[in-house]
Amino acid sequence: MAVKLLEYYKHDIGQLQLVPSGGGRFEVTVDDAQVFSKLETDRFPEYDEIKGAIEALITG
C-alpha cells in the first residue's frame, strides 16, 4: 500500500514514514490527522479507502 501511495502522490508527498509496531496496530495519519485505525475498526483497510480518506483530507 505504501508503494502505491508513493506512486500516486509522488509529486505531493514530502515524507512517508513506516513505523513498525506490535499488537495488530495499523494506523494511517496525514499531518497528525488520523485517517484510519485498525485498532478501532478491527480490520485492515483497502487501498481505495485510504486514498479516498487522504483525498478528502487534503481537498477540505
PDB file of N, CA and C in Angstrom:
ATOM      1  N   MET A   1       0.819  -1.185   0.000  1.00  0.00           N
ATOM      2  CA  MET A   1       0.000   0.000   0.000  1.00  0.00           C
ATOM      3  C   MET A   1       0.871   1.261   0.000  1.00  0.00           C
ATOM      4  N   ALA A   2       1.949   1.256   0.763  1.00  0.00           N
ATOM      5  CA  ALA A   2       2.836   2.418   0.819  1.00  0.00           C
ATOM      6  C   ALA A   2       3.417   2.731  -0.550  1.00  0.00           C
ATOM      7  N   VAL A   3       3.795   1.708  -1.294  1.00  0.00           N
ATOM      8  CA  VAL A   3       4.366   1.919  -2.626  1.00  0.00           C
ATOM      9  C   VAL A   3       3.330   2.533  -3.560  1.00  0.00           C
ATOM     10  N   LYS A   4       2.099   2.039  -3.515  1.00  0.00           N
ATOM     11  CA  LYS A   4       1.039   2.586  -4.362  1.00  0.00           C
ATOM     12  C   LYS A   4       0.752   4.042  -4.013  1.00  0.00           C
ATOM     13  N   LEU A   5       0.751   4.364  -2.721  1.00  0.00           N
ATOM     14  CA  LEU A   5       0.522   5.748  -2.312  1.00  0.00           C
ATOM     15  C   LEU A   5       1.659   6.649  -2.767  1.00  0.00           C
ATOM     16  N   LEU A   6       2.883   6.158  -2.656  1.00  0.00           N
ATOM     17  CA  LEU A   6       4.033   6.947  -3.121  1.00  0.00           C
ATOM     18  C   LEU A   6       3.979   7.166  -4.621  1.00  0.00           C
ATOM     19  N   GLU A   7       3.583   6.146  -5.367  1.00  0.00           N
ATOM     20  CA  GLU A   7       3.460   6.291  -6.820  1.00  0.00           C
ATOM     21  C   GLU A   7       2.386   7.315  -7.178  1.00  0.00           C
ATOM     22  N   TYR A   8       1.246   7.244  -6.512  1.00  0.00           N
ATOM     23  CA  TYR A   8       0.131   8.140  -6.825  1.00  0.00           C
ATOM     24  C   TYR A   8       0.418   9.586  -6.407  1.00  0.00           C
ATOM     25  N   TYR A   9       0.990   9.769  -5.233  1.00  0.00           N
ATOM     26  CA  TYR A   9       1.239  11.106  -4.693  1.00  0.00           C
ATOM     27  C   TYR A   9       2.695  11.550  -4.825  1.00  0.00           C
ATOM     28  N   LYS A  10       3.427  10.987  -5.760  1.00  0.00           N
ATOM     29  CA  LYS A  10       4.874  11.233  -5.827  1.00  0.00           C
ATOM     30  C   LYS A  10       5.252  12.713  -5.911  1.00  0.00           C
ATOM     31  N   HIS A  11       4.384  13.541  -6.442  1.00  0.00           N
ATOM     32  CA  HIS A  11       4.707  14.970  -6.535  1.00  0.00           C
ATOM     33  C   HIS A  11       4.137  15.768  -5.364  1.00  0.00           C
ATOM     34  N   ASP A  12       3.362  15.124  -4.513  1.00  0.00           N
ATOM     35  CA  ASP A  12       2.697  15.823  -3.421  1.00  0.00           C
ATOM     36  C   ASP A  12       3.187  15.428  -2.034  1.00  0.00           C
ATOM     37  N   ILE A  13       3.779  14.239  -1.912  1.00  0.00           N
ATOM     38  CA  ILE A  13       4.228  13.756  -0.608  1.00  0.00           C
ATOM     39  C   ILE A  13       5.639  14.250  -0.320  1.00  0.00           C
ATOM     40  N   GLY A  14       5.785  14.908   0.821  1.00  0.00           N
ATOM     41  CA  GLY A  14       7.106  15.327   1.259  1.00  0.00           C
ATOM     42  C   GLY A  14       7.798  14.229   2.039  1.00  0.00           C
ATOM     43  N   GLN A  15       6.994  13.394   2.703  1.00  0.00           N
ATOM     44  CA  GLN A  15       7.552  12.322   3.530  1.00  0.00           C
ATOM     45  C   GLN A  15       6.485  11.262   3.767  1.00  0.00           C
ATOM     46  N   LEU A  16       6.900  10.016   3.723  1.00  0.00           N
ATOM     47  CA  LEU A  16       6.053   8.892   4.123  1.00  0.00           C
ATOM     48  C   LEU A  16       6.870   8.066   5.084  1.00  0.00           C
ATOM     49  N   GLN A  17       6.332   7.834   6.255  1.00  0.00           N
ATOM     50  CA  GLN A  17       7.082   7.144   7.300  1.00  0.00           C
ATOM     51  C   GLN A  17       6.342   5.889   7.723  1.00  0.00           C
ATOM     52  N   LEU A  18       7.041   4.755   7.716  1.00  0.00           N
ATOM     53  CA  LEU A  18       6.504   3.497   8.211  1.00  0.00           C
ATOM     54  C   LEU A  18       7.119   3.249   9.582  1.00  0.00           C
ATOM     55  N   VAL A  19       6.266   3.023  10.571  1.00  0.00           N
ATOM     56  CA  VAL A  19       6.737   2.812  11.934  1.00  0.00           C
ATOM     57  C   VAL A  19       6.287   1.431  12.388  1.00  0.00           C
ATOM     58  N   PRO A  20       7.230   0.497  12.529  1.00  0.00           N
ATOM     59  CA  PRO A  20       6.863  -0.844  12.987  1.00  0.00           C
ATOM     60  C   PRO A  20       6.302  -0.801  14.413  1.00  0.00           C
ATOM     61  N   SER A  21       5.292  -1.627  14.649  1.00  0.00           N
ATOM     62  CA  SER A  21       4.737  -1.727  15.995  1.00  0.00           C
ATOM     63  C   SER A  21       4.116  -3.105  16.165  1.00  0.00           C
ATOM     64  N   GLY A  22       3.740  -3.421  17.363  1.00  0.00           N
ATOM     65  CA  GLY A  22       3.128  -4.717  17.644  1.00  0.00           C
ATOM     66  C   GLY A  22       1.673  -4.569  18.022  1.00  0.00           C
ATOM     67  N   GLY A  23       1.059  -5.673  18.353  1.00  0.00           N
ATOM     68  CA  GLY A  23      -0.303  -5.640  18.845  1.00  0.00           C
ATOM     69  C   GLY A  23      -1.373  -5.448  17.795  1.00  0.00           C
ATOM     70  N   GLY A  24      -1.073  -5.708  16.524  1.00  0.00           N
ATOM     71  CA  GLY A  24      -2.077  -5.584  15.481  1.00  0.00           C
ATOM     72  C   GLY A  24      -2.395  -4.163  15.067  1.00  0.00           C
ATOM     73  N   ARG A  25      -1.516  -3.256  15.375  1.00  0.00           N
ATOM     74  CA  ARG A  25      -1.746  -1.848  15.062  1.00  0.00           C
ATOM     75  C   ARG A  25      -1.417  -1.557  13.601  1.00  0.00           C
ATOM     76  N   PHE A  26      -2.301  -0.843  12.916  1.00  0.00           N
ATOM     77  CA  PHE A  26      -2.045  -0.303  11.584  1.00  0.00           C
ATOM     78  C   PHE A  26      -2.825   0.995  11.519  1.00  0.00           C
ATOM     79  N   GLU A  27      -2.113   2.104  11.613  1.00  0.00           N
ATOM     80  CA  GLU A  27      -2.744   3.415  11.625  1.00  0.00           C
ATOM     81  C   GLU A  27      -2.169   4.279  10.525  1.00  0.00           C
ATOM     82  N   VAL A  28      -3.026   5.080   9.928  1.00  0.00           N
ATOM     83  CA  VAL A  28      -2.607   5.989   8.868  1.00  0.00           C
ATOM     84  C   VAL A  28      -2.957   7.398   9.315  1.00  0.00           C
ATOM     85  N   THR A  29      -1.951   8.261   9.316  1.00  0.00           N
ATOM     86  CA  THR A  29      -2.169   9.662   9.662  1.00  0.00           C
ATOM     87  C   THR A  29      -1.615  10.554   8.566  1.00  0.00           C
ATOM     88  N   VAL A  30      -2.233  11.701   8.400  1.00  0.00           N
ATOM     89  CA  VAL A  30      -1.772  12.715   7.460  1.00  0.00           C
ATOM     90  C   VAL A  30      -1.680  14.018   8.231  1.00  0.00           C
ATOM     91  N   ASP A  31      -0.486  14.568   8.322  1.00  0.00           N
ATOM     92  CA  ASP A  31      -0.274  15.815   9.073  1.00  0.00           C
ATOM     93  C   ASP A  31      -0.933  15.758  10.453  1.00  0.00           C
ATOM     94  N   ASP A  32      -0.686  14.687  11.183  1.00  0.00           N
ATOM     95  CA  ASP A  32      -1.191  14.469  12.543  1.00  0.00           C
ATOM     96  C   ASP A  32      -2.696  14.188  12.623  1.00  0.00           C
ATOM     97  N   ALA A  33      -3.382  14.102  11.486  1.00  0.00           N
ATOM     98  CA  ALA A  33      -4.808  13.742  11.483  1.00  0.00           C
ATOM     99  C   ALA A  33      -4.934  12.261  11.135  1.00  0.00           C
ATOM    100  N   GLN A  34      -5.563  11.502  12.014  1.00  0.00           N
ATOM    101  CA  GLN A  34      -5.708  10.071  11.765  1.00  0.00           C
ATOM    102  C   GLN A  34      -6.805   9.840  10.724  1.00  0.00           C
ATOM    103  N   VAL A  35      -6.471   9.071   9.675  1.00  0.00           N
ATOM    104  CA  VAL A  35      -7.461   8.750   8.650  1.00  0.00           C
ATOM    105  C   VAL A  35      -7.895   7.291   8.706  1.00  0.00           C
ATOM    106  N   PHE A  36      -7.156   6.453   9.438  1.00  0.00           N
ATOM    107  CA  PHE A  36      -7.558   5.059   9.614  1.00  0.00           C
ATOM    108  C   PHE A  36      -6.863   4.471  10.826  1.00  0.00           C
ATOM    109  N   SER A  37      -7.590   3.604  11.542  1.00  0.00           N
ATOM    110  CA  SER A  37      -7.018   2.867  12.660  1.00  0.00           C
ATOM    111  C   SER A  37      -7.575   1.448  12.650  1.00  0.00           C
ATOM    112  N   LYS A  38      -6.702   0.467  12.480  1.00  0.00           N
ATOM    113  CA  LYS A  38      -7.116  -0.932  12.530  1.00  0.00           C
ATOM    114  C   LYS A  38      -7.575  -1.304  13.930  1.00  0.00           C
ATOM    115  N   LEU A  39      -7.005  -0.674  14.939  1.00  0.00           N
ATOM    116  CA  LEU A  39      -7.416  -0.947  16.308  1.00  0.00           C
ATOM    117  C   LEU A  39      -8.873  -0.537  16.547  1.00  0.00           C
ATOM    118  N   GLU A  40      -9.308   0.534  15.890  1.00  0.00           N
ATOM    119  CA  GLU A  40     -10.686   0.997  16.050  1.00  0.00           C
ATOM    120  C   GLU A  40     -11.669   0.220  15.182  1.00  0.00           C
ATOM    121  N   THR A  41     -11.241  -0.203  13.983  1.00  0.00           N
ATOM    122  CA  THR A  41     -12.158  -0.849  13.038  1.00  0.00           C
ATOM    123  C   THR A  41     -12.061  -2.369  13.049  1.00  0.00           C
ATOM    124  N   ASP A  42     -10.997  -2.905  13.633  1.00  0.00           N
ATOM    125  CA  ASP A  42     -10.760  -4.348  13.706  1.00  0.00           C
ATOM    126  C   ASP A  42     -10.645  -4.989  12.324  1.00  0.00           C
ATOM    127  N   ARG A  43     -10.084  -4.241  11.371  1.00  0.00           N
ATOM    128  CA  ARG A  43      -9.869  -4.771  10.023  1.00  0.00           C
ATOM    129  C   ARG A  43      -8.757  -3.979   9.343  1.00  0.00           C
ATOM    130  N   PHE A  44      -8.198  -4.560   8.289  1.00  0.00           N
ATOM    131  CA  PHE A  44      -7.176  -3.889   7.505  1.00  0.00           C
ATOM    132  C   PHE A  44      -7.860  -3.091   6.399  1.00  0.00           C
ATOM    133  N   PRO A  45      -7.381  -1.880   6.081  1.00  0.00           N
ATOM    134  CA  PRO A  45      -8.054  -1.053   5.079  1.00  0.00           C
ATOM    135  C   PRO A  45      -7.750  -1.484   3.650  1.00  0.00           C
ATOM    136  N   GLU A  46      -8.624  -1.118   2.754  1.00  0.00           N
ATOM    137  CA  GLU A  46      -8.392  -1.259   1.321  1.00  0.00           C
ATOM    138  C   GLU A  46      -7.649  -0.017   0.839  1.00  0.00           C
ATOM    139  N   TYR A  47      -6.876  -0.181  -0.228  1.00  0.00           N
ATOM    140  CA  TYR A  47      -6.116   0.944  -0.772  1.00  0.00           C
ATOM    141  C   TYR A  47      -7.034   2.120  -1.118  1.00  0.00           C
ATOM    142  N   ASP A  48      -8.134   1.844  -1.830  1.00  0.00           N
ATOM    143  CA  ASP A  48      -9.032   2.927  -2.247  1.00  0.00           C
ATOM    144  C   ASP A  48      -9.642   3.666  -1.054  1.00  0.00           C
ATOM    145  N   GLU A  49      -9.836   2.962   0.030  1.00  0.00           N
ATOM    146  CA  GLU A  49     -10.361   3.583   1.243  1.00  0.00           C
ATOM    147  C   GLU A  49      -9.363   4.596   1.812  1.00  0.00           C
ATOM    148  N   ILE A  50      -8.103   4.215   1.858  1.00  0.00           N
ATOM    149  CA  ILE A  50      -7.059   5.122   2.362  1.00  0.00           C
ATOM    150  C   ILE A  50      -6.870   6.291   1.403  1.00  0.00           C
ATOM    151  N   LYS A  51      -6.813   6.003   0.118  1.00  0.00           N
ATOM    152  CA  LYS A  51      -6.649   7.063  -0.889  1.00  0.00           C
ATOM    153  C   LYS A  51      -7.806   8.060  -0.805  1.00  0.00           C
ATOM    154  N   GLY A  52      -9.035   7.565  -0.662  1.00  0.00           N
ATOM    155  CA  GLY A  52     -10.198   8.442  -0.534  1.00  0.00           C
ATOM    156  C   GLY A  52     -10.145   9.284   0.718  1.00  0.00           C
ATOM    157  N   ALA A  53      -9.713   8.705   1.819  1.00  0.00           N
ATOM    158  CA  ALA A  53      -9.608   9.460   3.075  1.00  0.00           C
ATOM    159  C   ALA A  53      -8.553  10.554   2.963  1.00  0.00           C
ATOM    160  N   ILE A  54      -7.447  10.234   2.295  1.00  0.00           N
ATOM    161  CA  ILE A  54      -6.394  11.233   2.092  1.00  0.00           C
ATOM    162  C   ILE A  54      -6.913  12.357   1.194  1.00  0.00           C
ATOM    163  N   GLU A  55      -7.584  11.996   0.105  1.00  0.00           N
ATOM    164  CA  GLU A  55      -8.144  12.996  -0.806  1.00  0.00           C
ATOM    165  C   GLU A  55      -9.107  13.917  -0.076  1.00  0.00           C
ATOM    166  N   ALA A  56      -9.992  13.340   0.740  1.00  0.00           N
ATOM    167  CA  ALA A  56     -10.964  14.154   1.485  1.00  0.00           C
ATOM    168  C   ALA A  56     -10.265  15.114   2.432  1.00  0.00           C
ATOM    169  N   LEU A  57      -9.185  14.661   3.028  1.00  0.00           N
ATOM    170  CA  LEU A  57      -8.449  15.484   3.976  1.00  0.00           C
ATOM    171  C   LEU A  57      -7.716  16.639   3.284  1.00  0.00           C
ATOM    172  N   ILE A  58      -7.095  16.356   2.148  1.00  0.00           N
ATOM    173  CA  ILE A  58      -6.284  17.399   1.503  1.00  0.00           C
ATOM    174  C   ILE A  58      -7.115  18.354   0.648  1.00  0.00           C
ATOM    175  N   THR A  59      -8.322  17.940   0.254  1.00  0.00           N
ATOM    176  CA  THR A  59      -9.166  18.842  -0.544  1.00  0.00           C
ATOM    177  C   THR A  59     -10.131  19.629   0.318  1.00  0.00           C
ATOM    178  N   GLY A  60     -10.190  19.264   1.600  1.00  0.00           N
ATOM    179  CA  GLY A  60     -11.002  20.000   2.544  1.00  0.00           C
ATOM    180  C   GLY A  60     -12.431  19.696   2.402  1.00  0.00           C
TER     181      GLY A  60
END
